[in-house]
C-alpha cells in the first residue's frame, strides 16, 4: 500500500533541498500529469491565471513517487501562509489517507526557533491534526505530523546556514573565496537601498551561498544548483545539521 506524505516548506530553495533527501529513498520526480498518482490530482490547479493575477506563479506542488511512497511538496511563505496552504490542501485531499505531514521553515531573523514553533502551533491547531509537542519531533498520529525549523531546531538562522556547512565540506575553495568576496565588499559605494537585503541578519550568508551557486550554475537560480550540485550527498550526510533533517524526513515518511 502506498504511503502518501505531504510536505510544506518556505520557498523553492527549501523544496529542492528536501528533494535531495527524498531521492535517497528511490523517489523520482513526476513531470507528467498522466504519471501522477490520482490521489494528488485535486492539488493540481485547473485554471490560469490564479485569482486573475497574471504574475502569480501557479501553486502546483512538486511530486515524487515510487511503488511504496508518494510525496507532494508545496511552497508557502510565512506562518500564516504555511497554515493556510495546509488547510486548503486538506480540504480537497482527505487527511485520513495521508500517512505524514511535514512542515519545514527557517528560524526568524529576530525570533528563536522555539518562538516560531509556539506561533505556528495555534495556527495549525484549528486543522484537527495530531501536532507535535516538541520542535523537531514527529507526532505519531494519523496522519503523523512534524515541524522542523532550520538550521537545527535550536539556533536562529536559515537554510543557508546548513548549505554553508555543506559547501565548506564539498566546495572548500569556493566557500573561502566567496566568503572573502562578500566580506571585502566596499559598502560605502552602495546605497541604503542596495544594502537592504545584505544588511539583514542572514544577508551575508545568503550572499555567500548565492556566490557559490553562481559559479556552479552560472545564470541559474540557487534551487537549480541545489538540485544539480553536491550540496547534499553521502559526504555531507555526515554533518549533524543534515542528519537532523534526514531523521525528520525519515519519521514523516515512515522510512526508518
Protein backbone atom coordinates (compact mmCIF):
# COMPACT_ATOMS: atom_id res chain seq x y z
CA UNK A 1 0.00 0.00 0.00
CA UNK A 2 1.33 3.43 -0.97
CA UNK A 3 2.15 5.88 1.84
CA UNK A 4 1.08 9.42 0.93
CA UNK A 5 3.06 12.25 2.53
CA UNK A 6 2.54 15.99 2.29
CA UNK A 7 5.32 18.50 2.99
CA UNK A 8 5.08 22.29 3.08
CA UNK A 9 8.18 24.49 3.07
CA UNK A 10 9.02 28.18 2.80
CA UNK A 11 10.10 28.57 -0.79
CA UNK A 12 11.64 26.82 -3.81
CA UNK A 13 15.13 26.55 -2.27
CA UNK A 14 13.74 24.70 0.73
CA UNK A 15 11.72 22.41 -1.54
CA UNK A 16 14.75 21.46 -3.67
CA UNK A 17 16.81 20.97 -0.52
CA UNK A 18 14.27 18.48 0.84
CA UNK A 19 14.03 16.71 -2.52
CA UNK A 20 17.75 15.97 -2.28
CA UNK A 21 16.96 13.85 0.80
CA UNK A 22 13.87 12.22 -0.67
CA UNK A 23 15.86 10.95 -3.64
CA UNK A 24 17.78 8.73 -1.21
CA UNK A 25 14.51 6.81 -0.81
CA UNK A 26 14.48 5.99 -4.50
CA UNK A 27 11.81 8.56 -5.30
CA UNK A 28 11.59 10.04 -8.78
CA UNK A 29 10.18 13.43 -9.73
CA UNK A 30 6.84 13.27 -11.55
CA UNK A 31 6.86 15.54 -14.61
CA UNK A 32 3.75 14.34 -16.45
CA UNK A 33 0.19 14.56 -15.16
CA UNK A 34 -0.50 11.18 -16.75
CA UNK A 35 2.12 9.63 -14.45
CA UNK A 36 0.86 11.31 -11.26
CA UNK A 37 -0.89 9.19 -8.66
CA UNK A 38 -4.58 10.11 -8.89
CA UNK A 39 -4.65 10.76 -5.14
CA UNK A 40 -2.83 14.06 -5.70
CA UNK A 41 -4.75 15.28 -8.76
CA UNK A 42 -7.04 17.61 -6.72
CA UNK A 43 -3.90 19.63 -5.80
CA UNK A 44 -3.15 20.40 -9.45
CA UNK A 45 -4.73 23.77 -10.41
CA UNK A 46 -7.18 23.53 -13.29
CA UNK A 47 -7.30 27.23 -14.23
CA UNK A 48 -4.93 30.06 -15.08
CA UNK A 49 -4.31 32.79 -14.07
CA UNK A 50 -4.75 32.15 -10.36
CA UNK A 51 -7.21 34.68 -8.93
CA UNK A 52 -6.80 36.71 -12.12
CA UNK A 53 -3.14 37.52 -11.32
CA UNK A 54 -1.01 37.04 -14.45
CA UNK A 55 2.21 37.43 -12.46
CA UNK A 56 1.41 34.84 -9.80
CA UNK A 57 3.20 31.51 -10.06
CA UNK A 58 0.85 28.56 -10.47
CA UNK A 59 0.87 26.97 -6.97
CA UNK A 60 1.28 23.37 -8.10
CA UNK A 61 3.25 21.13 -5.74
CA UNK A 62 6.28 19.13 -6.80
CA UNK A 63 5.55 15.40 -6.71
CA UNK A 64 7.89 12.47 -6.17
CA UNK A 65 6.95 8.82 -6.01
CA UNK A 66 7.93 5.19 -6.23
CA UNK A 67 5.96 1.98 -5.72
CA UNK A 68 5.71 2.45 -1.93
CA UNK A 69 5.86 6.18 -1.26
CA UNK A 70 4.27 9.24 -2.87
CA UNK A 71 5.18 12.75 -1.71
CA UNK A 72 3.76 16.18 -2.56
CA UNK A 73 5.87 19.23 -1.66
CA UNK A 74 4.14 22.61 -1.53
CA UNK A 75 5.77 26.04 -1.25
CA UNK A 76 4.32 28.70 1.05
CA UNK A 77 5.61 31.79 2.84
CA UNK A 78 5.28 32.72 6.49
CA UNK A 79 3.50 31.04 9.36
CA UNK A 80 0.03 32.04 8.16
CA UNK A 81 0.87 31.04 4.60
CA UNK A 82 2.06 27.61 5.71
CA UNK A 83 -1.07 27.05 7.77
CA UNK A 84 -3.43 28.28 5.04
CA UNK A 85 -1.76 26.13 2.40
CA UNK A 86 -2.15 23.00 4.54
CA UNK A 87 -5.78 23.89 5.32
CA UNK A 88 -6.61 24.42 1.65
CA UNK A 89 -4.94 21.16 0.64
CA UNK A 90 -6.63 19.10 3.35
CA UNK A 91 -9.97 20.49 2.22
CA UNK A 92 -9.61 18.61 -1.08
CA UNK A 93 -7.28 15.73 -0.12
CA UNK A 94 -8.52 13.63 2.83
CA UNK A 95 -6.10 13.76 5.77
CA UNK A 96 -7.31 10.30 6.82
CA UNK A 97 -5.47 8.88 3.80
CA UNK A 98 -2.24 10.82 4.35
CA UNK A 99 0.50 9.00 6.22
CA UNK A 100 2.60 12.01 7.23
CA UNK A 101 2.65 15.80 7.10
CA UNK A 102 5.93 17.69 7.41
CA UNK A 103 6.42 21.43 7.85
CA UNK A 104 9.85 22.95 7.14
CA UNK A 105 10.68 26.61 7.75
CA UNK A 106 13.54 28.91 8.72
CA UNK A 107 14.13 30.43 12.12
CA UNK A 108 13.10 34.09 12.06
CA UNK A 109 15.60 36.95 11.99
CA UNK A 110 14.59 38.14 15.44
CA UNK A 111 12.82 35.12 16.93
CA UNK A 112 14.18 31.84 18.20
CA UNK A 113 13.02 28.57 16.58
CA UNK A 114 11.00 27.84 19.73
CA UNK A 115 9.20 31.18 19.43
CA UNK A 116 8.31 30.44 15.80
CA UNK A 117 7.14 26.97 16.79
CA UNK A 118 4.95 28.46 19.54
CA UNK A 119 3.36 30.82 16.99
CA UNK A 120 2.79 28.07 14.41
CA UNK A 121 1.09 25.57 16.73
CA UNK A 122 -2.03 27.74 17.37
CA UNK A 123 -2.34 28.34 13.62
CA UNK A 124 -2.31 24.59 12.99
CA UNK A 125 -4.47 23.57 15.93
CA UNK A 126 -7.66 24.54 14.07
CA UNK A 127 -6.89 21.89 11.42
CA UNK A 128 -7.56 18.94 13.71
CA UNK A 129 -4.12 17.37 13.30
CA UNK A 130 -2.13 15.48 15.92
CA UNK A 131 0.53 18.11 16.49
CA UNK A 132 4.00 17.57 17.97
CA UNK A 133 4.62 18.79 21.50
CA UNK A 134 8.31 19.36 20.85
CA UNK A 135 10.00 21.16 17.96
CA UNK A 136 11.73 18.74 15.59
CA UNK A 137 9.76 15.71 16.72
CA UNK A 138 7.05 13.97 14.72
CA UNK A 139 3.73 13.18 16.41
CA UNK A 140 2.72 9.62 15.61
CA UNK A 141 -0.94 10.35 14.94
CA UNK A 142 -2.98 9.72 11.82
CA UNK A 143 -1.59 11.44 9.94
CA UNK A 144 1.70 11.80 11.76
CA UNK A 145 2.85 15.42 11.80
CA UNK A 146 6.17 17.16 12.46
CA UNK A 147 7.73 20.62 12.33
CA UNK A 148 11.39 21.34 11.54
CA UNK A 149 12.86 24.83 11.84
CA UNK A 150 16.20 25.32 10.07
CA UNK A 151 19.02 25.26 10.71
CA UNK A 152 18.74 22.80 13.62
CA UNK A 153 15.57 23.48 15.68
CA UNK A 154 17.57 25.33 18.34
CA UNK A 155 19.69 28.11 16.78
CA UNK A 156 18.43 31.16 14.92
CA UNK A 157 19.33 31.08 11.25
CA UNK A 158 18.18 29.88 7.86
CA UNK A 159 18.61 27.12 5.31
CA UNK A 160 21.76 28.92 4.15
CA UNK A 161 23.49 28.03 7.43
CA UNK A 162 23.16 24.35 6.50
CA UNK A 163 24.21 24.99 2.91
CA UNK A 164 27.35 26.80 4.08
CA UNK A 165 28.34 23.78 6.16
CA UNK A 166 27.83 21.59 3.10
CA UNK A 167 29.82 23.94 0.85
CA UNK A 168 32.70 24.10 3.33
CA UNK A 169 32.92 20.31 3.14
CA UNK A 170 32.35 19.70 -0.58
CA UNK A 171 33.46 23.00 -2.12
CA UNK A 172 36.10 24.36 0.30
CA UNK A 173 37.86 26.55 -2.27
CA UNK A 174 34.62 28.15 -3.43
CA UNK A 175 33.49 28.55 0.18
CA UNK A 176 36.57 30.51 1.24
CA UNK A 177 36.73 32.58 -1.97
CA UNK A 178 33.03 33.51 -1.72
CA UNK A 179 33.35 34.33 1.99
CA UNK A 180 36.31 36.63 1.32
CA UNK A 181 34.50 38.22 -1.61
CA UNK A 182 31.41 39.12 0.41
CA UNK A 183 33.49 40.28 3.39
CA UNK A 184 35.56 42.54 1.12
CA UNK A 185 32.68 44.47 -0.42
CA UNK A 186 33.08 48.24 -0.09
CA UNK A 187 29.65 49.13 1.27
CA UNK A 188 30.49 52.86 1.00
CA UNK A 189 29.93 52.56 -2.75
CA UNK A 190 26.44 51.15 -2.28
CA UNK A 191 23.23 52.92 -1.40
CA UNK A 192 20.98 52.14 1.54
CA UNK A 193 18.57 50.51 -0.88
CA UNK A 194 21.39 48.45 -2.42
CA UNK A 195 22.30 47.13 1.03
CA UNK A 196 18.76 46.48 2.24
CA UNK A 197 18.93 42.69 1.81
CA UNK A 198 22.63 42.29 2.56
CA UNK A 199 22.28 44.04 5.91
CA UNK A 200 19.63 41.62 7.15
CA UNK A 201 20.85 39.09 9.75
CA UNK A 202 21.06 36.31 7.15
CA UNK A 203 22.05 38.62 4.29
CA UNK A 204 25.78 37.86 4.14
CA UNK A 205 25.24 34.10 4.42
CA UNK A 206 22.74 34.25 1.57
CA UNK A 207 25.21 36.29 -0.49
CA UNK A 208 27.98 33.73 0.07
CA UNK A 209 25.73 30.81 -0.87
CA UNK A 210 24.49 32.67 -3.96
CA UNK A 211 28.08 33.44 -4.98
CA UNK A 212 28.99 29.75 -4.77
CA UNK A 213 25.92 28.67 -6.72
CA UNK A 214 26.63 31.28 -9.41
CA UNK A 215 29.93 29.53 -10.12
CA UNK A 216 28.43 26.05 -10.05
CA UNK A 217 25.47 27.03 -12.23
CA UNK A 218 26.13 30.45 -13.83
CA UNK A 219 22.97 32.36 -14.65
CA UNK A 220 20.77 29.85 -12.80
CA UNK A 221 18.83 30.16 -9.56
CA UNK A 222 20.01 28.71 -6.27
CA UNK A 223 17.38 25.98 -6.36
CA UNK A 224 18.85 24.74 -9.67
CA UNK A 225 22.27 24.45 -8.06
CA UNK A 226 20.81 22.64 -5.03
CA UNK A 227 19.16 20.21 -7.42
CA UNK A 228 22.21 19.67 -9.65
CA UNK A 229 25.29 20.04 -7.46
CA UNK A 230 26.85 18.35 -4.41
CA UNK A 231 25.20 20.29 -1.62
CA UNK A 232 23.54 17.15 -0.24
CA UNK A 233 25.28 13.84 -0.89
CA UNK A 234 26.74 10.90 1.03
CA UNK A 235 29.60 13.13 2.17
CA UNK A 236 27.51 15.95 3.66
CA UNK A 237 25.07 13.47 5.21
CA UNK A 238 27.66 13.12 7.98
CA UNK A 239 27.05 16.72 9.15
CA UNK A 240 24.97 17.00 12.33
CA UNK A 241 22.53 19.56 10.90
CA UNK A 242 21.98 17.43 7.80
CA UNK A 243 21.46 14.31 9.91
CA UNK A 244 18.68 16.11 11.80
CA UNK A 245 16.80 16.86 8.58
CA UNK A 246 17.24 13.27 7.38
CA UNK A 247 15.89 11.85 10.66
CA UNK A 248 12.93 14.23 10.50
CA UNK A 249 12.04 13.17 6.94
CA UNK A 250 12.56 9.50 7.84
CA UNK A 251 9.90 9.82 10.53
CA UNK A 252 7.46 11.90 8.46
CA UNK A 253 7.60 9.44 5.57
CA UNK A 254 7.87 6.27 7.64
CA UNK A 255 11.20 5.42 6.04
CA UNK A 256 13.02 4.47 9.25
